[in-house]
Amino acid sequence: MPTPIPTIEWEITTACNYACSYCVQKSYVSKHGKHCSDETIAAVLPMIAELPGTWQIKLIGGEPLLHPRFFELCETLTQQGHALRITTNFSLPLEKYAQLAEIAGEYLTSLTASLHLEQVKSVDAFLQKASAFQRLKSENTDFSVTSVCLDETLEALQDVAARCDREGIVFSLQHAKFQTKYITYQRKEVEEFLNSRLLKNVETLQNANFFGTVCLTGMSFFRILMNGDVKRCYNIQPRLFLGNITKGTFRRFHAPLPCMSPRCTCTVPANCGMIQYGERVCRSSFLFTYCAGWFQTLWMTFARKFLR
């Protein structure tokens, strides 16, 4: 059984300076996206400070470094003793990433640089910057480069993989999605290369069904959206919505609940040890929880829409 790592994903912006054709967030992320407001930040930071123990805070976007208060947030969260995980398109000057490394130090436990071949002006410059960051980061920071694998980018990604290997930089691949579903590749060699570099837990989740399996999301993992809404995870199911931090209605689960979604579409909760593989609740208890959860979800949806 994997050891759970208490984790929060906090969407601090929907702004992004890229426009990737395969982006699963492109329906609402744009160059003119919005940032998490000062009001929401003022509500979220005290909530995180009051959480028991040490948590892993993953700041996401959009491109999180575009938020005007990004470095301030990093400093506050690390001063609270929490670990930081950042995923970035790595498009900003090296000085910005050096500033992040200096502010967070050993509390920056992970920085993932996403290489988007259709957006970067120079792969050479990207990899030179990656090598420079590899040298200046803390020993406690896991640094890696990742890229979405497409049929037409195979040869270019194979070259990137070889260069990262020479520099000692971890390079991994993501299986491209279309409307939350993994695409089917046309070239066998693409599948083989993808599987040799696939991100952790993707293969486990692709055809898995965790319906009824005990999961710690909602208790030890949750997502904070830009407007302060909080969700248990990424998958539509009863009791997905946990309230709004800005409005003071957020309530974290106090005990594990079964997964009530037939499909798990995101590797983040699995990588954080949230899925209790093989541990399932009894049928009658699960049916009661499932029906009660949907009733609560429908009532909250009705109340949010009509009883303001």
Protein backbone atom coordinates (compact mmCIF):
# COMPACT_ATOMS: atom_id res chain seq x y z
CA MET A 1 0.00 0.00 0.00
CA PRO A 2 1.51 3.39 -0.99
CA THR A 3 2.25 5.89 1.77
CA PRO A 4 -0.18 8.84 1.48
CA ILE A 5 1.38 12.28 0.98
CA PRO A 6 -1.12 14.99 2.03
CA THR A 7 -1.43 17.23 -1.02
CA ILE A 8 -3.27 20.32 -2.23
CA GLU A 9 -3.47 21.41 -5.84
CA TRP A 10 -4.07 25.16 -5.91
CA GLU A 11 -5.00 26.73 -9.22
CA ILE A 12 -3.66 30.26 -8.82
CA THR A 13 -4.21 31.44 -12.40
CA THR A 14 -5.84 30.50 -15.69
CA ALA A 15 -3.47 32.75 -17.65
CA CYS A 16 -0.97 31.09 -19.96
CA ASN A 17 1.45 32.50 -22.51
CA TYR A 18 1.19 29.32 -24.60
CA ALA A 19 -1.67 27.99 -26.74
CA CYS A 20 -0.96 24.28 -27.16
CA SER A 21 -3.28 22.44 -29.53
CA TYR A 22 -3.46 19.41 -27.22
CA CYS A 23 -3.99 21.32 -23.96
CA VAL A 24 -6.76 19.72 -21.89
CA GLN A 25 -7.40 23.12 -20.26
CA LYS A 26 -7.59 25.17 -23.45
CA SER A 27 -11.34 25.69 -23.10
CA TYR A 28 -10.74 28.21 -20.34
CA VAL A 29 -7.00 28.95 -20.19
CA SER A 30 -5.80 31.79 -22.40
CA LYS A 31 -3.39 34.68 -22.55
CA HIS A 32 -6.20 36.75 -21.10
CA GLY A 33 -6.96 34.37 -18.25
CA LYS A 34 -7.60 35.55 -14.73
CA HIS A 35 -5.56 35.34 -11.54
CA CYS A 36 -6.63 34.12 -8.12
CA SER A 37 -7.86 37.22 -6.29
CA ASP A 38 -6.37 38.81 -3.18
CA GLU A 39 -9.61 37.97 -1.36
CA THR A 40 -9.30 34.27 -2.16
CA ILE A 41 -5.58 34.24 -1.30
CA ALA A 42 -6.39 35.87 2.04
CA ALA A 43 -8.80 33.02 2.77
CA VAL A 44 -6.69 30.13 1.47
CA LEU A 45 -3.38 30.88 3.21
CA PRO A 46 -4.77 30.79 6.79
CA MET A 47 -6.66 27.58 5.99
CA ILE A 48 -3.46 25.91 4.80
CA ALA A 49 -1.58 27.18 7.86
CA GLU A 50 -4.13 25.48 10.13
CA LEU A 51 -3.89 22.07 8.47
CA PRO A 52 -2.36 19.34 10.63
CA GLY A 53 1.18 18.31 9.77
CA THR A 54 3.16 19.08 6.64
CA TRP A 55 1.42 19.20 3.28
CA GLN A 56 2.63 19.21 -0.29
CA ILE A 57 1.28 22.27 -2.12
CA LYS A 58 1.20 22.08 -5.90
CA LEU A 59 0.73 25.51 -7.49
CA ILE A 60 -0.83 25.13 -10.92
CA GLY A 61 -2.35 27.18 -13.74
CA GLY A 62 -2.33 28.13 -16.58
CA GLU A 63 1.28 29.08 -16.10
CA PRO A 64 1.64 29.61 -12.32
CA LEU A 65 4.66 31.94 -12.57
CA LEU A 66 2.49 34.49 -14.36
CA HIS A 67 0.58 35.24 -11.17
CA PRO A 68 1.83 38.62 -9.86
CA ARG A 69 2.06 37.24 -6.31
CA PHE A 70 3.64 33.89 -7.23
CA PHE A 71 6.93 34.38 -5.37
CA GLU A 72 5.16 35.85 -2.35
CA LEU A 73 2.91 32.77 -2.19
CA CYS A 74 5.92 30.45 -2.43
CA GLU A 75 7.68 32.27 0.39
CA THR A 76 4.61 32.23 2.66
CA LEU A 77 3.88 28.54 2.08
CA THR A 78 7.47 27.46 2.71
CA GLN A 79 7.62 29.61 5.85
CA GLN A 80 4.60 27.62 7.04
CA GLY A 81 6.73 24.50 6.62
CA HIS A 82 4.95 23.07 3.59
CA ALA A 83 6.62 21.55 0.53
CA LEU A 84 6.17 23.04 -2.94
CA ARG A 85 5.65 21.30 -6.26
CA ILE A 86 5.62 23.43 -9.40
CA THR A 87 4.80 22.54 -12.99
CA THR A 88 5.82 25.22 -15.48
CA ASN A 89 6.23 25.60 -19.23
CA PHE A 90 9.72 26.89 -18.37
CA SER A 91 9.34 29.83 -20.75
CA LEU A 92 10.44 32.57 -18.36
CA PRO A 93 14.07 33.71 -18.01
CA LEU A 94 16.37 31.50 -15.93
CA GLU A 95 16.56 34.28 -13.33
CA LYS A 96 12.92 33.64 -12.38
CA TYR A 97 13.57 29.96 -11.69
CA ALA A 98 16.74 30.82 -9.80
CA GLN A 99 14.66 33.21 -7.66
CA LEU A 100 12.19 30.40 -6.97
CA ALA A 101 15.01 28.04 -5.98
CA GLU A 102 16.48 30.67 -3.66
CA ILE A 103 13.15 31.49 -1.98
CA ALA A 104 11.96 27.91 -1.51
CA GLY A 105 15.30 26.16 -1.02
CA GLU A 106 14.89 22.57 0.14
CA TYR A 107 11.11 23.08 0.41
CA LEU A 108 10.89 23.07 -3.37
CA THR A 109 10.60 19.30 -3.62
CA SER A 110 9.69 19.16 -7.32
CA LEU A 111 9.87 21.32 -10.41
CA THR A 112 8.61 19.87 -13.68
CA ALA A 113 9.48 21.73 -16.88
CA SER A 114 6.96 20.97 -19.63
CA LEU A 115 8.49 21.04 -23.09
CA HIS A 116 5.90 22.04 -25.72
CA LEU A 117 7.60 21.61 -29.06
CA GLU A 118 4.94 23.51 -31.01
CA GLN A 119 5.47 26.56 -28.77
CA VAL A 120 9.18 26.80 -27.90
CA LYS A 121 11.31 28.94 -30.19
CA SER A 122 14.47 26.94 -29.53
CA VAL A 123 14.81 23.46 -28.05
CA ASP A 124 18.54 24.15 -27.58
CA ALA A 125 17.79 27.20 -25.43
CA PHE A 126 15.21 25.25 -23.41
CA LEU A 127 17.66 22.43 -22.66
CA GLN A 128 20.49 24.85 -21.87
CA LYS A 129 18.22 26.53 -19.33
CA ALA A 130 17.26 23.12 -17.93
CA SER A 131 20.94 22.20 -17.49
CA ALA A 132 21.61 25.50 -15.74
CA PHE A 133 18.68 24.97 -13.34
CA GLN A 134 19.85 21.43 -12.67
CA ARG A 135 23.12 22.89 -11.37
CA LEU A 136 21.66 25.64 -9.18
CA LYS A 137 18.67 23.88 -7.58
CA SER A 138 18.66 22.34 -4.11
CA GLU A 139 19.65 18.69 -3.80
CA ASN A 140 16.18 18.14 -2.35
CA THR A 141 14.47 19.32 -5.55
CA ASP A 142 13.42 16.65 -8.03
CA PHE A 143 13.79 18.31 -11.41
CA SER A 144 12.48 16.76 -14.60
CA VAL A 145 11.47 17.61 -18.14
CA THR A 146 8.28 16.18 -19.57
CA SER A 147 6.53 16.41 -22.92
CA VAL A 148 3.29 15.26 -24.53
CA CYS A 149 4.02 12.47 -27.01
CA LEU A 150 2.53 12.82 -30.50
CA ASP A 151 3.02 10.79 -33.67
CA GLU A 152 4.64 13.72 -35.46
CA THR A 153 7.07 14.56 -32.63
CA LEU A 154 8.65 11.12 -32.13
CA GLU A 155 12.06 11.85 -33.65
CA ALA A 156 12.39 15.25 -31.98
CA LEU A 157 11.49 13.77 -28.58
CA GLN A 158 13.93 10.91 -29.00
CA ASP A 159 16.67 13.50 -29.52
CA VAL A 160 15.52 15.43 -26.44
CA ALA A 161 15.51 12.22 -24.39
CA ALA A 162 19.09 11.42 -25.40
CA ARG A 163 20.30 14.92 -24.55
CA CYS A 164 18.55 14.89 -21.16
CA ASP A 165 20.10 11.51 -20.38
CA ARG A 166 23.57 12.93 -21.10
CA GLU A 167 22.91 15.84 -18.73
CA GLY A 168 21.46 13.63 -15.99
CA ILE A 169 18.02 15.21 -16.28
CA VAL A 170 14.99 12.98 -15.87
CA PHE A 171 12.87 13.02 -19.04
CA SER A 172 9.37 11.54 -19.15
CA LEU A 173 6.43 11.49 -21.53
CA GLN A 174 2.72 12.10 -21.23
CA HIS A 175 0.10 10.18 -23.19
CA ALA A 176 -1.85 12.75 -25.21
CA LYS A 177 -5.55 13.13 -24.41
CA PHE A 178 -8.57 14.30 -26.36
CA GLN A 179 -11.57 15.32 -24.24
CA THR A 180 -10.16 13.44 -21.19
CA LYS A 181 -9.63 10.22 -23.20
CA TYR A 182 -6.20 8.91 -24.16
CA ILE A 183 -5.62 9.02 -27.92
CA THR A 184 -4.62 6.03 -30.05
CA TYR A 185 -1.27 6.42 -31.77
CA GLN A 186 -0.84 5.50 -35.43
CA ARG A 187 2.79 4.42 -35.21
CA LYS A 188 3.88 1.38 -33.20
CA GLU A 189 7.29 2.90 -32.49
CA VAL A 190 5.58 5.88 -30.83
CA GLU A 191 3.76 3.52 -28.43
CA GLU A 192 7.04 1.76 -27.64
CA PHE A 193 8.90 5.01 -26.97
CA LEU A 194 6.00 6.36 -24.87
CA ASN A 195 5.86 3.24 -22.71
CA SER A 196 9.60 3.43 -22.09
CA ARG A 197 9.28 6.96 -20.65
CA LEU A 198 5.69 7.06 -19.38
CA LEU A 199 4.85 9.16 -16.34
CA LYS A 200 4.30 7.21 -13.14
CA ASN A 201 0.89 5.50 -12.70
CA VAL A 202 -0.48 6.38 -16.17
CA GLU A 203 -0.46 2.75 -17.28
CA THR A 204 -2.08 1.68 -14.00
CA LEU A 205 -4.98 4.09 -14.44
CA GLN A 206 -5.69 3.77 -18.15
CA ASN A 207 -8.07 0.80 -17.90
CA ALA A 208 -8.66 0.71 -14.16
CA ASN A 209 -11.98 0.93 -12.34
CA PHE A 210 -11.74 2.10 -8.73
CA PHE A 211 -15.50 2.40 -8.18
CA GLY A 212 -16.03 1.47 -4.52
CA THR A 213 -12.31 1.49 -3.66
CA VAL A 214 -11.36 3.43 -0.54
CA CYS A 215 -9.71 6.73 -1.49
CA LEU A 216 -8.25 9.49 0.66
CA THR A 217 -9.15 12.32 -1.72
CA GLY A 218 -11.29 14.92 -0.01
CA MET A 219 -9.45 14.26 3.24
CA SER A 220 -5.72 14.18 2.41
CA PHE A 221 -5.97 15.55 -1.14
CA PHE A 222 -8.13 18.27 -2.65
CA ARG A 223 -8.10 20.86 -5.41
CA ILE A 224 -8.58 24.59 -4.83
CA LEU A 225 -9.89 26.38 -7.89
CA MET A 226 -9.13 29.99 -8.73
CA ASN A 227 -12.46 31.26 -7.32
CA GLY A 228 -12.05 29.42 -4.02
CA ASP A 229 -14.19 26.40 -4.92
CA VAL A 230 -12.76 23.14 -3.60
CA LYS A 231 -13.15 19.73 -5.23
CA ARG A 232 -12.30 16.27 -3.98
CA CYS A 233 -10.43 15.33 -7.17
CA TYR A 234 -10.86 15.54 -10.96
CA ASN A 235 -13.60 12.97 -11.54
CA ILE A 236 -17.33 13.67 -11.64
CA GLN A 237 -18.98 11.87 -8.73
CA PRO A 238 -21.18 12.48 -5.68
CA ARG A 239 -19.68 14.80 -3.07
CA LEU A 240 -17.10 16.11 -5.53
CA PHE A 241 -17.70 19.71 -4.39
CA LEU A 242 -16.38 20.43 -0.89
CA GLY A 243 -17.49 24.05 -0.59
CA ASN A 244 -15.83 27.41 -1.17
CA ILE A 245 -12.95 28.68 0.96
CA THR A 246 -13.57 32.35 0.17
CA LYS A 247 -17.21 32.05 1.27
CA GLY A 248 -16.31 30.01 4.35
CA THR A 249 -18.24 26.89 3.28
CA PHE A 250 -15.29 24.54 2.69
CA ARG A 251 -15.37 21.31 4.71
CA ARG A 252 -12.67 18.68 4.39
CA PHE A 253 -13.60 15.00 4.82
CA HIS A 254 -12.67 13.65 8.26
CA ALA A 255 -12.49 10.03 7.11
CA PRO A 256 -11.74 8.18 3.86
CA LEU A 257 -14.65 7.57 1.49
CA PRO A 258 -14.94 5.16 -1.44
CA CYS A 259 -14.28 6.39 -4.95
CA MET A 260 -17.65 7.03 -6.57
CA SER A 261 -16.40 7.54 -10.11
CA PRO A 262 -16.01 4.64 -12.58
CA ARG A 263 -12.83 6.14 -14.04
CA CYS A 264 -9.77 7.85 -12.58
CA THR A 265 -8.46 10.30 -15.17
CA CYS A 266 -5.59 11.98 -13.31
CA THR A 267 -2.36 10.48 -11.99
CA VAL A 268 -1.79 13.11 -9.29
CA PRO A 269 -3.92 11.52 -6.50
CA ALA A 270 -2.47 8.09 -7.33
CA ASN A 271 1.09 9.45 -7.21
CA CYS A 272 0.31 10.95 -3.80
CA GLY A 273 -0.83 7.57 -2.43
CA MET A 274 -4.52 8.42 -2.18
CA ILE A 275 -5.91 5.25 -3.80
CA GLN A 276 -6.04 2.39 -1.30
CA TYR A 277 -5.67 -0.42 -3.83
CA GLY A 278 -7.65 -3.55 -2.98
CA GLU A 279 -9.43 -1.97 0.00
CA ARG A 280 -13.14 -1.81 -0.82
CA VAL A 281 -16.17 -0.98 1.32
CA CYS A 282 -19.03 -3.45 1.74
CA ARG A 283 -21.75 -3.30 -0.92
CA SER A 284 -24.60 -2.05 1.29
CA SER A 285 -22.46 0.65 2.90
CA PHE A 286 -21.21 1.79 -0.48
CA LEU A 287 -24.71 1.99 -2.00
CA PHE A 288 -25.89 4.10 0.94
CA THR A 289 -22.87 6.42 0.64
CA TYR A 290 -23.30 6.67 -3.13
CA CYS A 291 -27.02 7.53 -3.01
CA ALA A 292 -26.61 9.91 -0.07
CA GLY A 293 -23.70 11.57 -1.86
CA TRP A 294 -25.70 12.22 -5.00
CA PHE A 295 -28.60 13.59 -2.94
CA GLN A 296 -26.23 15.97 -1.15
CA THR A 297 -24.61 16.98 -4.45
CA LEU A 298 -27.96 17.73 -6.09
CA TRP A 299 -29.15 19.68 -3.06
CA MET A 300 -25.94 21.78 -2.95
CA THR A 301 -26.21 22.46 -6.68
CA PHE A 302 -29.81 23.57 -6.24
CA ALA A 303 -28.95 25.73 -3.24
CA ARG A 304 -26.02 27.42 -4.99
CA LYS A 305 -28.19 28.25 -8.00
CA PHE A 306 -31.53 29.21 -6.48
CA LEU A 307 -31.06 29.98 -2.77
CA ARG A 308 -28.40 32.67 -2.87
